[in-house]
Amino acid sequence: MAEPTLGQRIAEFAADARSNGIPDDVAASVRQRILDVLGLCVAAHRLDTSTAAVDYLLGQGGNPQARIVGVPTPVTAAQAAFGNGVLAHSLDYDDTHLPSVLHPSASVVPTALAAAEHSGVNDAGEILSAVAVGLEVAVRLGMAGYDRELGNSVFFEHGQHATSICGAMGGAVAAAMLYGADAPGILDALGITGSMASGIIEANRTGGTVKRLHCGWAAQSAITAAQLAKGGFTGPPSVLEGRFGFFQAWLHGTFHPEEITRGLGEEWSVPGIFFKPYPANHFTHTAIDAGLALHARGVDPERIERITLAVPSAVIRTIGQPIETKRAPMTGYQAQFSGPYAVVAGLLGGGGGLGLGLDDFTDELAQDPHRRALMNKVDIVGAARCDEIYPYQFPAVVTVTTTDGEEIVEEALTNRGGPQRPLSDAELARKFDDNVRGRLPEDVAANVRERVLAPGPVLDVPSILTQMCTFR
């Protein structure tokens, strides 16, 4: 008997999870991630790109099958997945798996919400299992493309956005589960999605808002593939490791299959995925922490001669190059990818419930002359100490040299929101409340929190999303 392919192993894992359930800690973590994504979707409606995406979808027409958060008009399931995927990822406030450095929930959760609503599944166990499996598949595929000697994702090295590429594959498995597929049907959905997964990350370096579309495209691809598999289309069983398969196409055939299979079904990555306390690229978070610590120490910005931000060498190209652009972001979105802005924003003190919030990343603040003057004093350097820790954490060491020659150092060597510095349930609720404040009535926000987080046999996605249309 032939050895099962990687896709077959994943399909059997998914089918088993649907039949036998998932561990309680995994289910609790999934509930938190669903709530996080819902809050992000509400908050993202402030963006012009969100308006453009929603208007685009509503202009397409289609059968009313599922809902976009904050939009009263139902659309097709694929459109709803696209819309919510765009919203979930647009603020760069969504969770991150390390060391694969991908953002799994922004693709997988929107996919599962759309599939659950379209298929009429309201059994909490089924929905939570589908999301958990989708997240697990996404991060395991991401880890298969992680080079431990290089200390970085090979997807990233090639300019590929593992978030959307692997997110589409994980989302397809989740969607197929919710559409009732057996193991062969789940495999077909995975196989079809291999021809749809995509995404490049040049916008991280030089600008453009296209990255906001990536998780939407991944979620739409996942729904589409699962529906086509249900209709009879098939995919190659060797979609992942085949001679012309996923890993050959993306990584030139160099990958680590053991990262997919080791402990599959027994060891879960999901609870260890990092939540984001700040709405910025995850590489900047420890710089923000150090800046906030300097602010708490009463460091006077007017006394600063220069600031050195030491980070892992691999992240400099994202948050420190071109340095002229990073010191002078034109928009709040560009500021989210700027190391100099991160340090300065923390140093000046933030307005969010967890430190820095969405209102700390506006076009006006990005162009503020006082912040620009401070950003011009920031140099970003690689540090061997940070390289040793990366990418299991994104450490930063900030050294401020004052005008009278004093050196003040702040270290942030672990990321807040990860297993070593977890966010409490109360902090995650505060993040959700920050994200929906001014758009959802307080009683509605409280009800959504309770319905998503409280253990129970039913997770009524249509009802929850209908509630969340009250602000629009």
Protein backbone atom coordinates (compact mmCIF):
# COMPACT_ATOMS: atom_id res chain seq x y z
CA MET A 1 0.00 0.00 0.00
CA ALA A 2 1.35 3.39 -1.02
CA GLU A 3 2.42 5.88 1.62
CA PRO A 4 -0.27 8.56 2.01
CA THR A 5 0.57 11.93 0.52
CA LEU A 6 0.86 15.02 2.69
CA GLY A 7 -2.52 16.17 1.42
CA GLN A 8 -4.10 12.86 2.38
CA ARG A 9 -2.58 13.12 5.85
CA ILE A 10 -4.08 16.59 6.26
CA ALA A 11 -7.48 15.47 4.97
CA GLU A 12 -7.60 12.56 7.40
CA PHE A 13 -6.58 14.86 10.26
CA ALA A 14 -9.39 17.25 9.33
CA ALA A 15 -12.00 14.51 9.06
CA ASP A 16 -10.94 13.10 12.43
CA ALA A 17 -11.15 16.51 14.12
CA ARG A 18 -14.67 17.01 12.80
CA SER A 19 -15.76 13.61 14.09
CA ASN A 20 -13.96 13.60 17.43
CA GLY A 21 -13.59 17.28 18.29
CA ILE A 22 -10.58 19.30 19.42
CA PRO A 23 -8.95 19.92 22.83
CA ASP A 24 -10.64 22.42 25.12
CA ASP A 25 -7.69 24.84 25.15
CA VAL A 26 -7.65 24.87 21.35
CA ALA A 27 -11.40 25.55 21.22
CA ALA A 28 -11.04 28.40 23.74
CA SER A 29 -8.23 29.91 21.69
CA VAL A 30 -10.33 29.71 18.51
CA ARG A 31 -13.18 31.58 20.20
CA GLN A 32 -10.75 34.36 21.12
CA ARG A 33 -9.52 34.55 17.54
CA ILE A 34 -13.03 34.72 16.13
CA LEU A 35 -13.80 37.63 18.47
CA ASP A 36 -10.53 39.31 17.53
CA VAL A 37 -11.29 39.07 13.82
CA LEU A 38 -14.84 40.38 14.27
CA GLY A 39 -13.52 43.42 16.10
CA LEU A 40 -10.89 44.03 13.43
CA CYS A 41 -13.52 43.85 10.71
CA VAL A 42 -15.59 46.54 12.42
CA ALA A 43 -12.59 48.80 12.95
CA ALA A 44 -11.40 48.45 9.36
CA HIS A 45 -14.54 50.13 8.04
CA ARG A 46 -12.80 53.45 8.73
CA LEU A 47 -10.49 52.87 5.75
CA ASP A 48 -11.12 54.10 2.22
CA THR A 49 -9.86 50.78 0.90
CA SER A 50 -12.53 48.97 2.92
CA THR A 51 -15.21 51.14 1.37
CA ALA A 52 -13.76 50.38 -2.05
CA ALA A 53 -13.74 46.63 -1.40
CA VAL A 54 -17.30 46.58 -0.06
CA ASP A 55 -18.58 48.76 -2.92
CA TYR A 56 -16.84 46.46 -5.38
CA LEU A 57 -18.54 43.41 -3.88
CA LEU A 58 -21.99 44.98 -3.68
CA GLY A 59 -21.64 46.05 -7.30
CA GLN A 60 -21.17 42.45 -8.41
CA GLY A 61 -24.59 41.24 -7.33
CA GLY A 62 -25.16 37.60 -6.44
CA ASN A 63 -27.21 35.23 -4.35
CA PRO A 64 -27.62 36.24 -0.68
CA GLN A 65 -25.69 33.51 1.12
CA ALA A 66 -23.56 35.15 3.79
CA ARG A 67 -22.72 38.49 5.40
CA ILE A 68 -19.82 40.87 5.52
CA VAL A 69 -19.33 42.37 8.98
CA GLY A 70 -21.04 45.75 9.09
CA VAL A 71 -22.84 45.37 5.76
CA PRO A 72 -26.62 44.77 5.89
CA THR A 73 -26.89 43.31 2.37
CA PRO A 74 -26.05 39.59 2.16
CA VAL A 75 -23.77 38.52 -0.68
CA THR A 76 -22.43 35.22 -1.97
CA ALA A 77 -20.34 33.16 0.41
CA ALA A 78 -17.21 33.77 -1.68
CA GLN A 79 -17.88 37.51 -1.65
CA ALA A 80 -18.47 37.54 2.10
CA ALA A 81 -15.22 35.64 2.65
CA PHE A 82 -13.39 38.13 0.45
CA GLY A 83 -14.90 41.13 2.20
CA ASN A 84 -14.23 39.90 5.71
CA GLY A 85 -10.73 38.76 4.76
CA VAL A 86 -9.91 42.23 3.46
CA LEU A 87 -11.34 43.85 6.59
CA ALA A 88 -9.58 41.44 8.97
CA HIS A 89 -6.11 42.05 7.54
CA SER A 90 -6.31 45.70 6.55
CA LEU A 91 -5.26 47.23 9.87
CA ASP A 92 -2.25 44.94 10.40
CA TYR A 93 -3.77 44.16 13.77
CA ASP A 94 -4.38 40.43 13.19
CA ASP A 95 -2.59 37.56 14.90
CA THR A 96 0.80 36.14 13.89
CA HIS A 97 2.34 32.68 14.09
CA LEU A 98 6.04 32.48 14.85
CA PRO A 99 8.47 31.58 13.51
CA SER A 100 6.60 31.13 10.21
CA VAL A 101 5.72 34.85 10.37
CA LEU A 102 2.28 34.47 8.85
CA HIS A 103 -1.13 35.77 9.93
CA PRO A 104 -3.49 32.78 9.85
CA SER A 105 -6.76 33.99 11.37
CA ALA A 106 -7.40 36.79 8.87
CA SER A 107 -7.87 34.22 6.09
CA VAL A 108 -9.20 31.19 7.94
CA VAL A 109 -11.81 32.83 10.20
CA PRO A 110 -13.54 34.80 7.38
CA THR A 111 -13.59 31.62 5.31
CA ALA A 112 -15.19 29.61 8.10
CA LEU A 113 -17.76 32.30 8.92
CA ALA A 114 -18.90 32.42 5.30
CA ALA A 115 -18.99 28.64 4.91
CA ALA A 116 -20.85 28.15 8.20
CA GLU A 117 -23.48 30.72 7.33
CA HIS A 118 -23.92 29.45 3.77
CA SER A 119 -24.14 25.81 4.81
CA GLY A 120 -26.39 26.48 7.79
CA VAL A 121 -23.96 25.05 10.34
CA ASN A 122 -24.48 26.52 13.81
CA ASP A 123 -22.97 23.72 15.86
CA ALA A 124 -20.19 25.38 17.83
CA GLY A 125 -18.07 22.23 17.87
CA GLU A 126 -18.12 21.93 14.08
CA ILE A 127 -17.26 25.58 13.53
CA LEU A 128 -14.50 25.68 16.14
CA SER A 129 -13.00 22.45 14.81
CA ALA A 130 -13.00 23.77 11.24
CA VAL A 131 -11.30 27.02 12.24
CA ALA A 132 -8.76 25.18 14.41
CA VAL A 133 -7.86 22.75 11.64
CA GLY A 134 -7.63 25.56 9.09
CA LEU A 135 -5.27 27.52 11.33
CA GLU A 136 -3.19 24.43 12.04
CA VAL A 137 -2.85 23.59 8.34
CA ALA A 138 -1.89 27.16 7.45
CA VAL A 139 0.87 27.44 10.03
CA ARG A 140 2.21 23.95 9.39
CA LEU A 141 2.52 24.73 5.68
CA GLY A 142 4.22 27.97 6.65
CA MET A 143 6.65 26.08 8.88
CA ALA A 144 7.40 23.64 6.08
CA GLY A 145 8.79 26.65 4.24
CA TYR A 146 10.78 27.95 7.20
CA ASP A 147 14.56 27.53 7.03
CA ARG A 148 15.98 27.08 10.53
CA GLU A 149 19.57 27.63 9.38
CA LEU A 150 18.64 30.81 7.55
CA GLY A 151 16.40 31.86 10.43
CA ASN A 152 13.66 33.06 8.13
CA SER A 153 10.74 31.97 5.99
CA VAL A 154 11.81 31.01 2.49
CA PHE A 155 8.45 32.27 1.27
CA PHE A 156 9.46 35.66 2.64
CA GLU A 157 12.95 35.43 1.12
CA HIS A 158 11.31 34.90 -2.28
CA GLY A 159 9.03 37.91 -1.84
CA GLN A 160 5.99 35.70 -1.31
CA HIS A 161 3.25 36.45 1.21
CA ALA A 162 2.96 33.21 3.15
CA THR A 163 -0.07 34.66 4.94
CA SER A 164 -2.25 34.54 1.85
CA ILE A 165 -0.57 31.58 0.18
CA CYS A 166 -0.82 29.24 3.16
CA GLY A 167 -3.98 30.92 4.46
CA ALA A 168 -5.85 29.95 1.30
CA MET A 169 -4.88 26.32 1.79
CA GLY A 170 -5.88 26.26 5.45
CA GLY A 171 -9.09 28.10 4.69
CA ALA A 172 -10.02 25.58 2.01
CA VAL A 173 -9.75 22.72 4.50
CA ALA A 174 -11.94 24.63 6.98
CA ALA A 175 -14.53 25.42 4.31
CA ALA A 176 -14.64 21.85 3.02
CA MET A 177 -15.25 20.58 6.56
CA LEU A 178 -18.18 22.98 7.00
CA TYR A 179 -19.61 22.03 3.62
CA GLY A 180 -19.72 18.43 4.83
CA ALA A 181 -16.89 16.94 2.79
CA ASP A 182 -15.35 13.62 3.74
CA ALA A 183 -11.58 13.13 3.67
CA PRO A 184 -11.38 12.70 -0.13
CA GLY A 185 -13.51 15.82 -0.61
CA ILE A 186 -11.28 17.81 1.77
CA LEU A 187 -8.26 16.63 -0.20
CA ASP A 188 -9.88 17.80 -3.44
CA ALA A 189 -10.54 21.24 -1.96
CA LEU A 190 -6.91 21.46 -0.90
CA GLY A 191 -5.78 20.30 -4.31
CA ILE A 192 -7.91 22.86 -6.13
CA THR A 193 -6.77 25.70 -3.90
CA GLY A 194 -3.15 24.97 -4.79
CA SER A 195 -3.88 26.58 -8.13
CA MET A 196 -5.41 29.68 -6.49
CA ALA A 197 -3.04 30.59 -3.64
CA SER A 198 -1.01 33.75 -4.26
CA GLY A 199 0.50 36.95 -2.87
CA ILE A 200 3.70 39.03 -3.06
CA ILE A 201 4.95 41.44 -0.40
CA GLU A 202 6.73 44.25 -2.24
CA ALA A 203 4.13 46.66 -0.85
CA ASN A 204 5.64 46.11 2.60
CA ARG A 205 8.79 47.83 1.39
CA THR A 206 7.75 50.60 -0.92
CA GLY A 207 4.06 51.25 -0.37
CA GLY A 208 0.72 50.44 -1.92
CA THR A 209 -2.41 49.06 -0.26
CA VAL A 210 -2.68 45.83 -2.25
CA LYS A 211 -1.56 43.77 0.75
CA ARG A 212 -4.93 44.55 2.34
CA LEU A 213 -6.55 42.42 -0.35
CA HIS A 214 -4.43 39.36 0.25
CA CYS A 215 -6.43 37.63 2.99
CA GLY A 216 -9.64 38.46 1.17
CA TRP A 217 -8.34 36.78 -1.94
CA ALA A 218 -7.18 33.79 0.12
CA ALA A 219 -10.58 33.41 1.79
CA GLN A 220 -12.44 33.79 -1.50
CA SER A 221 -10.19 31.17 -3.10
CA ALA A 222 -10.79 28.82 -0.20
CA ILE A 223 -14.58 29.08 -0.43
CA THR A 224 -14.52 28.78 -4.21
CA ALA A 225 -12.31 25.70 -4.12
CA ALA A 226 -14.44 23.98 -1.48
CA GLN A 227 -17.61 24.67 -3.46
CA LEU A 228 -16.05 23.40 -6.70
CA ALA A 229 -14.85 20.26 -4.93
CA LYS A 230 -18.37 19.73 -3.62
CA GLY A 231 -19.62 20.06 -7.20
CA GLY A 232 -17.27 17.38 -8.47
CA PHE A 233 -13.98 19.03 -9.37
CA THR A 234 -10.93 17.15 -8.15
CA GLY A 235 -7.39 18.06 -7.23
CA PRO A 236 -4.10 16.16 -7.33
CA PRO A 237 -3.49 14.04 -4.19
CA SER A 238 0.17 15.11 -4.39
CA VAL A 239 -0.73 18.82 -4.54
CA LEU A 240 1.83 19.67 -1.86
CA GLU A 241 4.95 17.57 -2.45
CA GLY A 242 4.42 16.62 -6.11
CA ARG A 243 6.95 17.28 -8.87
CA PHE A 244 4.83 20.21 -10.03
CA GLY A 245 3.06 20.85 -6.73
CA PHE A 246 2.74 23.61 -4.16
CA PHE A 247 6.24 23.44 -2.70
CA GLN A 248 7.91 23.07 -6.08
CA ALA A 249 6.06 26.07 -7.42
CA TRP A 250 6.69 28.33 -4.44
CA LEU A 251 9.91 27.05 -2.86
CA HIS A 252 11.61 25.28 -5.79
CA GLY A 253 11.03 21.94 -4.10
CA THR A 254 13.01 22.72 -0.92
CA PHE A 255 10.77 22.26 2.10
CA HIS A 256 10.41 20.34 5.36
CA PRO A 257 7.56 17.81 5.22
CA GLU A 258 8.07 16.78 8.84
CA GLU A 259 6.78 20.19 9.92
CA ILE A 260 3.41 19.18 8.46
CA THR A 261 3.18 15.68 9.84
CA ARG A 262 5.00 15.76 13.18
CA GLY A 263 2.46 15.49 16.00
CA LEU A 264 -0.43 16.22 13.61
CA GLY A 265 -3.65 15.85 15.60
CA GLU A 266 -1.80 15.61 18.92
CA GLU A 267 0.29 18.77 19.14
CA TRP A 268 -1.60 21.96 18.32
CA SER A 269 0.03 25.22 17.27
CA VAL A 270 -3.17 27.24 17.59
CA PRO A 271 -2.97 28.34 21.26
CA GLY A 272 0.58 29.63 20.70
CA ILE A 273 -0.30 32.00 17.85
CA PHE A 274 0.55 35.55 18.91
CA PHE A 275 -2.20 38.13 19.31
CA LYS A 276 -1.31 41.70 18.36
CA PRO A 277 -1.68 44.36 21.05
CA TYR A 278 -0.82 47.17 18.60
CA PRO A 279 -2.17 47.91 15.10
CA ALA A 280 1.15 47.75 13.25
CA ASN A 281 3.46 45.32 11.53
CA HIS A 282 4.50 42.76 14.12
CA PHE A 283 8.20 43.49 13.60
CA THR A 284 7.61 46.94 15.14
CA HIS A 285 5.91 45.80 18.36
CA THR A 286 8.92 45.52 20.60
CA ALA A 287 10.11 48.90 19.35
CA ILE A 288 6.74 50.25 20.48
CA ASP A 289 7.15 48.50 23.85
CA ALA A 290 10.58 50.07 24.30
CA GLY A 291 9.23 53.48 23.33
CA LEU A 292 6.36 53.17 25.79
CA ALA A 293 8.82 52.18 28.51
CA LEU A 294 10.93 55.26 27.76
CA HIS A 295 7.80 57.38 27.94
CA ALA A 296 6.95 55.85 31.31
CA ARG A 297 10.45 56.71 32.51
CA GLY A 298 9.82 60.34 31.64
CA VAL A 299 12.39 60.66 28.85
CA ASP A 300 12.08 64.19 27.43
CA PRO A 301 11.89 64.13 23.60
CA GLU A 302 13.40 67.60 23.49
CA ARG A 303 16.60 66.25 25.07
CA ILE A 304 17.11 63.51 22.49
CA GLU A 305 20.18 63.76 20.28
CA ARG A 306 19.75 60.41 18.53
CA ILE A 307 17.96 57.06 18.84
CA THR A 308 19.36 53.68 17.83
CA LEU A 309 16.88 50.89 17.24
CA ALA A 310 18.62 47.52 17.25
CA VAL A 311 16.57 44.69 15.75
CA PRO A 312 17.05 41.33 14.03
CA SER A 313 18.90 41.88 10.77
CA ALA A 314 16.19 40.12 8.76
CA VAL A 315 13.48 42.64 9.66
CA ILE A 316 15.39 45.78 8.66
CA ARG A 317 14.26 45.59 5.04
CA THR A 318 10.62 45.66 6.18
CA ILE A 319 10.72 48.34 8.89
CA GLY A 320 13.94 50.20 8.08
CA GLN A 321 14.43 50.32 4.31
CA PRO A 322 14.48 52.57 2.45
CA ILE A 323 15.36 54.52 5.60
CA GLU A 324 14.35 57.83 4.03
CA THR A 325 10.85 56.48 3.44
CA LYS A 326 10.63 54.90 6.90
CA ARG A 327 11.61 58.19 8.54
CA ALA A 328 8.97 60.09 6.62
CA PRO A 329 5.85 57.95 6.13
CA MET A 330 3.19 59.77 4.17
CA THR A 331 0.23 57.81 5.53
CA GLY A 332 -0.82 56.03 8.67
CA TYR A 333 -0.59 52.78 6.73
CA GLN A 334 3.05 53.39 5.85
CA ALA A 335 3.67 54.31 9.49
CA GLN A 336 2.53 50.81 10.48
CA PHE A 337 5.63 49.45 8.72
CA SER A 338 8.08 52.05 10.01
CA GLY A 339 10.56 51.28 12.77
CA PRO A 340 11.29 54.98 13.39
CA TYR A 341 7.60 55.75 13.71
CA ALA A 342 7.07 52.85 16.12
CA VAL A 343 9.75 54.06 18.53
CA VAL A 344 8.60 57.68 18.35
CA ALA A 345 4.91 56.84 18.75
CA GLY A 346 5.68 54.84 21.87
CA LEU A 347 8.03 57.50 23.19
CA LEU A 348 5.30 60.13 22.88
CA GLY A 349 2.71 57.89 24.58
CA GLY A 350 -0.25 56.20 22.95
CA GLY A 351 -4.00 56.46 23.23
CA GLY A 352 -5.09 52.85 22.90
CA GLY A 353 -6.42 50.67 25.69
CA LEU A 354 -3.35 48.43 25.39
CA GLY A 355 -0.84 51.22 24.72
CA LEU A 356 -0.89 52.32 21.08
CA GLY A 357 -4.21 52.15 19.27
CA LEU A 358 -5.65 52.83 15.85
CA ASP A 359 -5.83 56.57 16.47
CA ASP A 360 -2.05 56.62 16.84
CA PHE A 361 -1.66 55.62 13.17
CA THR A 362 -3.28 58.38 11.15
CA ASP A 363 -2.08 60.24 8.07
CA GLU A 364 -1.92 63.43 10.13
CA LEU A 365 0.33 61.91 12.79
CA ALA A 366 2.52 60.25 10.16
CA GLN A 367 3.18 63.69 8.68
CA ASP A 368 3.37 65.57 11.99
CA PRO A 369 6.51 67.80 11.90
CA HIS A 370 7.42 67.06 15.52
CA ARG A 371 7.27 63.30 14.92
CA ARG A 372 9.15 63.67 11.66
CA ALA A 373 11.93 65.55 13.46
CA LEU A 374 12.25 62.73 16.00
CA MET A 375 12.05 60.04 13.31
CA ASN A 376 14.97 61.68 11.52
CA LYS A 377 17.07 60.94 14.61
CA VAL A 378 16.37 57.19 14.47
CA ASP A 379 18.92 54.79 13.03
CA ILE A 380 18.04 51.11 12.61
CA VAL A 381 20.78 48.52 12.96
CA GLY A 382 21.00 44.76 13.10
CA ALA A 383 22.15 43.21 16.36
CA ALA A 384 23.61 39.75 16.92
CA ARG A 385 21.73 39.40 20.20
CA CYS A 386 18.43 40.04 18.42
CA ASP A 387 19.38 37.72 15.57
CA GLU A 388 19.85 34.89 18.08
CA ILE A 389 16.27 35.29 19.32
CA TYR A 390 14.55 35.96 15.98
CA PRO A 391 12.16 34.70 14.59
CA TYR A 392 10.74 33.03 17.69
CA GLN A 393 10.35 36.57 19.00
CA PHE A 394 10.91 39.96 17.33
CA PRO A 395 13.23 41.61 19.90
CA ALA A 396 14.35 45.23 20.00
CA VAL A 397 16.87 47.24 21.97
CA VAL A 398 16.43 51.02 21.90
CA THR A 399 19.26 53.31 22.93
CA VAL A 400 18.53 57.00 23.39
CA THR A 401 21.46 59.40 23.49
CA THR A 402 20.55 62.74 25.03
CA THR A 403 21.93 66.15 24.19
CA ASP A 404 24.09 66.05 27.34
CA GLY A 405 25.59 62.66 26.44
CA GLU A 406 23.50 60.38 28.64
CA GLU A 407 22.60 56.96 27.22
CA ILE A 408 19.24 55.44 28.14
CA VAL A 409 18.57 51.83 27.11
CA GLU A 410 15.31 49.89 26.95
CA GLU A 411 15.13 46.25 25.93
CA ALA A 412 12.05 44.38 24.76
CA LEU A 413 13.19 40.86 23.97
CA THR A 414 9.82 39.06 23.88
CA ASN A 415 6.59 40.03 22.20
CA ARG A 416 3.54 40.99 24.19
CA GLY A 417 0.59 38.84 23.11
CA GLY A 418 2.60 35.64 22.74
CA PRO A 419 2.93 32.65 25.08
CA GLN A 420 5.64 34.34 27.18
CA ARG A 421 3.66 37.57 27.62
CA PRO A 422 0.05 36.56 26.89
CA LEU A 423 -2.84 38.95 26.69
CA SER A 424 -5.48 38.18 29.29
CA ASP A 425 -9.13 37.67 28.44
CA ALA A 426 -9.76 41.14 29.84
CA GLU A 427 -7.09 42.66 27.58
CA LEU A 428 -8.50 40.89 24.52
CA ALA A 429 -11.95 42.17 25.45
CA ARG A 430 -10.47 45.67 25.78
CA LYS A 431 -8.96 45.35 22.30
CA PHE A 432 -12.33 44.27 20.90
CA ASP A 433 -14.09 47.15 22.65
CA ASP A 434 -11.50 49.62 21.32
CA ASN A 435 -12.05 48.31 17.81
CA VAL A 436 -15.85 48.55 17.86
CA ARG A 437 -16.23 51.70 19.98
CA GLY A 438 -18.27 54.37 18.22
CA ARG A 439 -19.65 51.85 15.73
CA LEU A 440 -21.38 49.18 17.79
CA PRO A 441 -23.62 50.13 20.73
CA GLU A 442 -22.10 49.00 24.02
CA ASP A 443 -24.87 46.50 24.70
CA VAL A 444 -24.42 44.95 21.26
CA ALA A 445 -20.64 44.72 21.73
CA ALA A 446 -21.12 43.06 25.12
CA ASN A 447 -23.61 40.59 23.68
CA VAL A 448 -21.29 39.66 20.80
CA ARG A 449 -18.42 39.11 23.24
CA GLU A 450 -20.55 36.84 25.37
CA ARG A 451 -21.96 34.83 22.48
CA VAL A 452 -18.56 34.23 20.92
CA LEU A 453 -16.52 33.55 24.06
CA ALA A 454 -18.97 31.71 26.32
CA PRO A 455 -18.81 27.92 25.96
CA GLY A 456 -22.00 26.50 24.52
CA PRO A 457 -23.29 24.12 21.85
CA VAL A 458 -24.42 26.82 19.39
CA LEU A 459 -22.48 29.48 17.52
CA ASP A 460 -25.11 31.31 15.49
CA VAL A 461 -23.01 33.11 12.88
CA PRO A 462 -25.90 34.71 10.93
CA SER A 463 -27.41 36.16 14.10
CA ILE A 464 -24.07 37.51 15.34
CA LEU A 465 -23.25 39.12 12.00
CA THR A 466 -26.75 40.59 11.74
CA GLN A 467 -26.21 42.21 15.16
CA MET A 468 -22.95 43.66 13.90
CA CYS A 469 -24.64 45.51 11.05
CA THR A 470 -26.27 47.99 13.42
CA PHE A 471 -23.54 50.61 13.02
CA ARG A 472 -23.80 50.97 9.27
